[in-house]
Amino acid sequence: MAPLFGSVAFSAAGLPAACSMVRSHFPIPDGAIAVLARATADTVVYPLEEPPGAGEWEPDLFQGVETVVGQRFVVLDQVPAEGSGNETGDSVSIVPWAYDSQCRLSPWDESALWVAPDSLGFFFRMDPIYESHGTKRFDVFGWMDPYPQSAGSGGSEDPPMSAAALFDLNRWLYEQDEGEGADLGASLLEWAGTHPEEAEQFPVARTLRRLMASDSIGVST
């Protein structure tokens, strides 16, 4: 199944209820853009339309739904910046969606302000920024994005990194990998040597433990 927004959906064959979503934390997936943004208390109402990157779109799941609501964010930084479709300081509307047991897009029935106003969020944007009724917009799974508010720590007991710190790690990994094909495990170890506090936080600490336990300090990005 293809990437949906910033997450990857998996559904076990013959077991539609087994659908689960995996949110990547690093490195930046091929073709994606890492976005650090600050939430505002403003919202934008849009007529219901199938968004880009929607995956399996089932109109029957949206009976009685006429509109969707986006929350406005201010873009603080992004990597790579080239071709991102927006500039630092731009206002962008981000529309949250839900998914059902078969990984199909479904209506978001929680608060349109699903991210606390004035907090920072870290997103992987897989699909282009697009113009929607006079505003810049992109779409996400509200249960998965942004980190750290929606993505959680996956049950880890490690304290979570801040959104800004995780964004900076992704920028660093991107700069190491650009044009070279870096080794993820080795790059993480190098980064951890100069960031000892963050190296003991989720998700880096968990990833390093898994790589070392499996003797996989040689995983290529």
Foldseek 3Di string as FASTA:
>chain_A
DDDAWQWDWDADVPGLLPIDIDHDLDAQDPQWKKWKWAWAPDKDKAFDDQAPRQPDEDVVLQVPPTIFMWTKIATQDMPPPPPQQDDHRDIETETAWAADSNRGTHHDPDDNPLDPGGAMFIGIGNDHFDDGPRGTYDYDHSCCTTPPSRNPQPPDPFAADGNVVSSVLNVQVCVVCVPNFDQVLVSLVVVCVVVVVNCRGPPNVVVNVVCVVVVNSRHTD
